[in-house]
């Protein structure tokens, strides 16, 4: 059984706060996470996700568990 990463051990609120900071400061990460959310499905279009503020996008990324170990 694989051990969970330190990131996964954090509470969801802390993961959202970290992602909000990253999404606000780096435009390339915003595009990457939007691409992952669209690929997973869930009914969102990329144009819709681009218009969302960083905090709302971070909540959706954490909710859909669209982060990887490299993140």
N, C-alpha and C. Protein backbone atom coordinates (compact mmCIF):
# COMPACT_ATOMS: atom_id res chain seq x y z
N UNK A 1 0.84 -1.17 0.00
CA UNK A 1 0.00 0.00 0.00
C UNK A 1 0.89 1.24 0.00
N UNK A 2 0.61 2.16 -0.89
CA UNK A 2 1.42 3.36 -1.01
C UNK A 2 1.12 4.34 0.12
N UNK A 3 2.15 5.00 0.56
CA UNK A 3 1.97 6.01 1.60
C UNK A 3 1.46 7.29 0.97
N UNK A 4 0.50 7.96 1.61
CA UNK A 4 0.01 9.22 1.05
C UNK A 4 1.09 10.30 1.16
N UNK A 5 1.07 11.22 0.22
CA UNK A 5 2.04 12.31 0.25
C UNK A 5 1.70 13.27 1.38
N UNK A 6 2.65 14.11 1.71
CA UNK A 6 2.41 15.10 2.76
C UNK A 6 1.30 16.05 2.34
N UNK A 7 1.24 16.34 1.05
CA UNK A 7 0.19 17.22 0.53
C UNK A 7 -1.19 16.61 0.76
N UNK A 8 -1.32 15.33 0.48
CA UNK A 8 -2.61 14.65 0.65
C UNK A 8 -3.02 14.56 2.12
N UNK A 9 -2.05 14.61 3.01
CA UNK A 9 -2.36 14.54 4.44
C UNK A 9 -2.92 15.86 4.97
N UNK A 10 -2.75 16.94 4.22
CA UNK A 10 -3.26 18.24 4.66
C UNK A 10 -4.78 18.27 4.59
N UNK A 11 -5.42 19.04 5.44
CA UNK A 11 -6.88 19.20 5.33
C UNK A 11 -7.24 19.91 4.02
N UNK A 12 -8.43 19.68 3.55
CA UNK A 12 -8.88 20.23 2.27
C UNK A 12 -8.78 21.76 2.24
N UNK A 13 -9.09 22.41 3.35
CA UNK A 13 -9.03 23.87 3.38
C UNK A 13 -7.61 24.37 3.15
N UNK A 14 -6.64 23.68 3.70
CA UNK A 14 -5.23 24.08 3.51
C UNK A 14 -4.78 23.84 2.07
N UNK A 15 -5.24 22.72 1.47
CA UNK A 15 -4.90 22.44 0.07
C UNK A 15 -5.51 23.50 -0.85
N UNK A 16 -6.73 23.94 -0.55
CA UNK A 16 -7.36 25.00 -1.34
C UNK A 16 -6.57 26.30 -1.22
N UNK A 17 -6.13 26.62 -0.01
CA UNK A 17 -5.35 27.85 0.19
C UNK A 17 -4.04 27.80 -0.57
N UNK A 18 -3.36 26.68 -0.55
CA UNK A 18 -2.11 26.54 -1.29
C UNK A 18 -2.33 26.67 -2.80
N UNK A 19 -3.36 26.00 -3.29
CA UNK A 19 -3.65 26.07 -4.73
C UNK A 19 -4.08 27.47 -5.15
N UNK A 20 -4.81 28.16 -4.30
CA UNK A 20 -5.23 29.52 -4.61
C UNK A 20 -4.01 30.42 -4.80
N UNK A 21 -3.03 30.26 -3.93
CA UNK A 21 -1.80 31.04 -4.05
C UNK A 21 -1.07 30.72 -5.35
N UNK A 22 -0.96 29.45 -5.68
CA UNK A 22 -0.27 29.04 -6.90
C UNK A 22 -1.02 29.53 -8.14
N UNK A 23 -2.33 29.37 -8.14
CA UNK A 23 -3.13 29.77 -9.31
C UNK A 23 -3.12 31.28 -9.50
N UNK A 24 -3.01 32.02 -8.42
CA UNK A 24 -2.97 33.48 -8.52
C UNK A 24 -1.64 33.99 -9.04
N UNK A 25 -0.58 33.28 -8.73
CA UNK A 25 0.74 33.80 -9.06
C UNK A 25 1.32 33.25 -10.36
N UNK A 26 0.86 32.09 -10.81
CA UNK A 26 1.45 31.48 -12.00
C UNK A 26 0.37 31.16 -13.04
N UNK A 27 0.42 31.83 -14.17
CA UNK A 27 -0.59 31.62 -15.22
C UNK A 27 -0.46 30.24 -15.86
N UNK A 28 0.77 29.70 -15.97
CA UNK A 28 0.93 28.39 -16.58
C UNK A 28 0.29 27.29 -15.74
N UNK A 29 0.32 27.42 -14.42
CA UNK A 29 -0.32 26.43 -13.57
C UNK A 29 -1.84 26.50 -13.69
N UNK A 30 -2.36 27.69 -13.87
CA UNK A 30 -3.81 27.85 -14.06
C UNK A 30 -4.27 27.09 -15.30
N UNK A 31 -3.54 27.23 -16.39
CA UNK A 31 -3.88 26.53 -17.63
C UNK A 31 -3.77 25.02 -17.46
N UNK A 32 -2.77 24.57 -16.73
CA UNK A 32 -2.58 23.14 -16.51
C UNK A 32 -3.75 22.55 -15.72
N UNK A 33 -4.15 23.20 -14.65
CA UNK A 33 -5.25 22.68 -13.84
C UNK A 33 -6.58 22.75 -14.58
N UNK A 34 -6.78 23.77 -15.38
CA UNK A 34 -8.00 23.85 -16.18
C UNK A 34 -8.04 22.70 -17.18
N UNK A 35 -6.91 22.42 -17.80
CA UNK A 35 -6.83 21.31 -18.75
C UNK A 35 -7.17 19.99 -18.06
N UNK A 36 -6.67 19.79 -16.85
CA UNK A 36 -6.96 18.56 -16.12
C UNK A 36 -8.43 18.44 -15.76
N UNK A 37 -9.04 19.55 -15.34
CA UNK A 37 -10.46 19.50 -14.98
C UNK A 37 -11.33 19.19 -16.20
N UNK A 38 -11.01 19.79 -17.33
CA UNK A 38 -11.78 19.53 -18.54
C UNK A 38 -11.61 18.09 -18.98
N UNK A 39 -10.40 17.54 -18.87
CA UNK A 39 -10.15 16.16 -19.27
C UNK A 39 -10.87 15.15 -18.38
N UNK A 40 -11.07 15.49 -17.12
CA UNK A 40 -11.76 14.59 -16.20
C UNK A 40 -13.27 14.57 -16.43
N UNK A 41 -13.77 15.55 -17.12
CA UNK A 41 -15.21 15.63 -17.31
C UNK A 41 -15.84 16.42 -16.18
N UNK A 42 -17.11 16.30 -16.03
CA UNK A 42 -17.78 17.02 -14.95
C UNK A 42 -18.64 18.17 -15.45
N UNK A 43 -18.63 18.39 -16.77
CA UNK A 43 -19.53 19.37 -17.33
C UNK A 43 -19.00 20.78 -17.48
N UNK A 44 -17.73 21.03 -17.18
CA UNK A 44 -17.20 22.38 -17.32
C UNK A 44 -16.43 22.53 -18.61
N UNK A 45 -16.63 23.66 -19.26
CA UNK A 45 -15.84 24.00 -20.45
C UNK A 45 -14.65 24.83 -20.01
N UNK A 46 -13.60 24.79 -20.81
CA UNK A 46 -12.39 25.55 -20.49
C UNK A 46 -12.68 27.05 -20.41
N UNK A 47 -13.53 27.55 -21.29
CA UNK A 47 -13.86 28.99 -21.29
C UNK A 47 -14.54 29.39 -19.99
N UNK A 48 -15.37 28.53 -19.47
CA UNK A 48 -16.04 28.81 -18.20
C UNK A 48 -15.03 28.84 -17.06
N UNK A 49 -14.13 27.87 -17.02
CA UNK A 49 -13.15 27.79 -15.95
C UNK A 49 -12.16 28.94 -16.00
N UNK A 50 -11.86 29.45 -17.19
CA UNK A 50 -10.96 30.59 -17.31
C UNK A 50 -11.53 31.85 -16.66
N UNK A 51 -12.84 31.95 -16.63
CA UNK A 51 -13.47 33.15 -16.07
C UNK A 51 -13.60 33.08 -14.55
N UNK A 52 -13.36 31.93 -13.96
CA UNK A 52 -13.50 31.77 -12.51
C UNK A 52 -12.34 32.42 -11.77
N UNK A 53 -12.59 32.96 -10.58
CA UNK A 53 -11.49 33.46 -9.74
C UNK A 53 -10.65 32.28 -9.24
N UNK A 54 -9.44 32.56 -8.83
CA UNK A 54 -8.50 31.52 -8.41
C UNK A 54 -9.04 30.68 -7.25
N UNK A 55 -9.72 31.30 -6.30
CA UNK A 55 -10.24 30.57 -5.14
C UNK A 55 -11.29 29.53 -5.54
N UNK A 56 -12.17 29.90 -6.43
CA UNK A 56 -13.22 28.98 -6.87
C UNK A 56 -12.62 27.83 -7.68
N UNK A 57 -11.65 28.15 -8.53
CA UNK A 57 -10.98 27.13 -9.33
C UNK A 57 -10.22 26.16 -8.41
N UNK A 58 -9.56 26.67 -7.39
CA UNK A 58 -8.83 25.82 -6.44
C UNK A 58 -9.77 24.88 -5.71
N UNK A 59 -10.93 25.37 -5.32
CA UNK A 59 -11.92 24.52 -4.64
C UNK A 59 -12.35 23.37 -5.55
N UNK A 60 -12.56 23.66 -6.81
CA UNK A 60 -12.98 22.62 -7.75
C UNK A 60 -11.87 21.61 -8.00
N UNK A 61 -10.64 22.08 -8.09
CA UNK A 61 -9.51 21.17 -8.29
C UNK A 61 -9.39 20.21 -7.11
N UNK A 62 -9.51 20.72 -5.89
CA UNK A 62 -9.43 19.86 -4.71
C UNK A 62 -10.63 18.94 -4.65
N UNK A 63 -11.80 19.44 -4.96
CA UNK A 63 -13.01 18.61 -4.92
C UNK A 63 -12.95 17.45 -5.90
N UNK A 64 -12.44 17.73 -7.10
CA UNK A 64 -12.34 16.68 -8.14
C UNK A 64 -11.05 15.89 -8.04
N UNK A 65 -10.19 16.25 -7.09
CA UNK A 65 -8.94 15.55 -6.86
C UNK A 65 -8.09 15.52 -8.14
N UNK A 66 -7.92 16.68 -8.73
CA UNK A 66 -7.20 16.79 -10.01
C UNK A 66 -5.73 17.12 -9.84
N UNK A 67 -5.18 16.93 -8.65
CA UNK A 67 -3.76 17.16 -8.44
C UNK A 67 -3.02 15.84 -8.60
N UNK A 68 -1.74 15.95 -8.94
CA UNK A 68 -0.89 14.76 -9.04
C UNK A 68 0.25 14.89 -8.05
N UNK A 69 1.06 13.85 -7.95
CA UNK A 69 2.21 13.87 -7.03
C UNK A 69 3.21 14.95 -7.40
N UNK A 70 3.33 15.29 -8.69
CA UNK A 70 4.26 16.30 -9.13
C UNK A 70 3.83 17.70 -8.71
N UNK A 71 2.55 17.89 -8.44
CA UNK A 71 2.04 19.21 -8.06
C UNK A 71 2.50 19.52 -6.67
